[in-house]
Amino acid sequence: MIPQPPENHHQALLQKQSHLKLAPNWLQRRLSRAPIRWKISLGYLLVLSLAVLGTIIGQLVGNFYTRKAWDKLNLE
């Protein structure tokens, strides 16, 4: 017997998603109880940390390729 496709694709997706729900982890539990001021501060900290980390990594990569180019120019 060939399985029949669901009548409504949206309905089938909703049924799949209901089975995929996971229990909240420790971070979700802590954030749900935290005051909004703390959540906003944490968001700013995350964004600024990523910006600083990205800048540092960009500088390191740029320095690596600059040194590589200077070495190539000096050898020829």
Protein backbone atom coordinates (compact mmCIF):
# COMPACT_ATOMS: atom_id res chain seq x y z
CA MET A 1 0.00 0.00 0.00
CA ILE A 2 1.36 3.43 -0.96
CA PRO A 3 1.29 6.07 1.83
CA GLN A 4 -0.95 9.00 0.98
CA PRO A 5 0.42 12.56 1.18
CA PRO A 6 -1.18 14.77 3.82
CA GLU A 7 -4.16 16.80 2.71
CA ASN A 8 -2.55 20.04 3.82
CA HIS A 9 1.21 20.58 3.68
CA HIS A 10 1.02 23.22 6.43
CA GLN A 11 -0.80 20.78 8.70
CA ALA A 12 1.88 18.14 8.14
CA LEU A 13 4.63 20.60 9.06
CA LEU A 14 2.84 21.57 12.25
CA GLN A 15 2.53 17.92 13.25
CA LYS A 16 6.26 17.38 12.70
CA GLN A 17 7.18 20.48 14.68
CA SER A 18 5.04 19.43 17.62
CA HIS A 19 7.14 16.28 17.93
CA LEU A 20 10.41 18.23 17.75
CA LYS A 21 9.80 20.51 20.73
CA LEU A 22 12.55 20.16 23.30
CA ALA A 23 12.47 20.84 27.01
CA PRO A 24 13.93 24.26 27.90
CA ASN A 25 17.58 24.16 28.80
CA TRP A 26 19.24 25.92 31.75
CA LEU A 27 19.88 29.14 29.80
CA GLN A 28 16.27 29.46 28.70
CA ARG A 29 15.08 28.90 32.27
CA ARG A 30 17.43 31.57 33.62
CA LEU A 31 16.56 34.09 30.93
CA SER A 32 12.84 33.60 31.35
CA ARG A 33 13.11 34.65 35.02
CA ALA A 34 15.59 37.48 34.50
CA PRO A 35 14.48 41.12 34.51
CA ILE A 36 14.31 42.91 31.17
CA ARG A 37 17.17 45.26 32.13
CA TRP A 38 19.47 42.26 32.60
CA LYS A 39 18.41 40.75 29.25
CA ILE A 40 19.10 44.01 27.40
CA SER A 41 22.50 44.38 29.08
CA LEU A 42 23.36 40.80 28.18
CA GLY A 43 22.40 41.47 24.55
CA TYR A 44 24.63 44.54 24.38
CA LEU A 45 27.49 42.60 25.96
CA LEU A 46 27.11 39.83 23.39
CA VAL A 47 27.03 42.24 20.45
CA LEU A 48 30.02 44.27 21.66
CA SER A 49 32.00 41.09 22.38
CA LEU A 50 31.35 39.80 18.87
CA ALA A 51 32.37 43.16 17.37
CA VAL A 52 35.64 43.23 19.32
CA LEU A 53 36.38 39.58 18.50
CA GLY A 54 35.66 40.18 14.81
CA THR A 55 37.93 43.22 14.75
CA ILE A 56 40.77 41.32 16.41
CA ILE A 57 40.43 38.37 14.04
CA GLY A 58 40.28 40.73 11.06
CA GLN A 59 43.47 42.48 12.18
CA LEU A 60 45.27 39.16 12.65
CA VAL A 61 44.25 37.90 9.21
CA GLY A 62 45.18 41.23 7.62
CA ASN A 63 48.58 41.24 9.30
CA PHE A 64 49.21 37.66 8.16
CA TYR A 65 48.55 38.48 4.51
CA THR A 66 50.40 41.80 4.69
CA ARG A 67 53.49 40.03 6.06
CA LYS A 68 53.15 37.38 3.37
CA ALA A 69 53.00 40.07 0.65
CA TRP A 70 56.02 41.95 2.06
CA ASP A 71 58.02 38.73 2.21
CA LYS A 72 57.17 37.99 -1.42
CA LEU A 73 58.18 41.53 -2.47
CA ASN A 74 61.49 41.36 -0.60
CA LEU A 75 62.48 37.98 -2.04
CA GLU A 76 62.06 38.98 -5.68
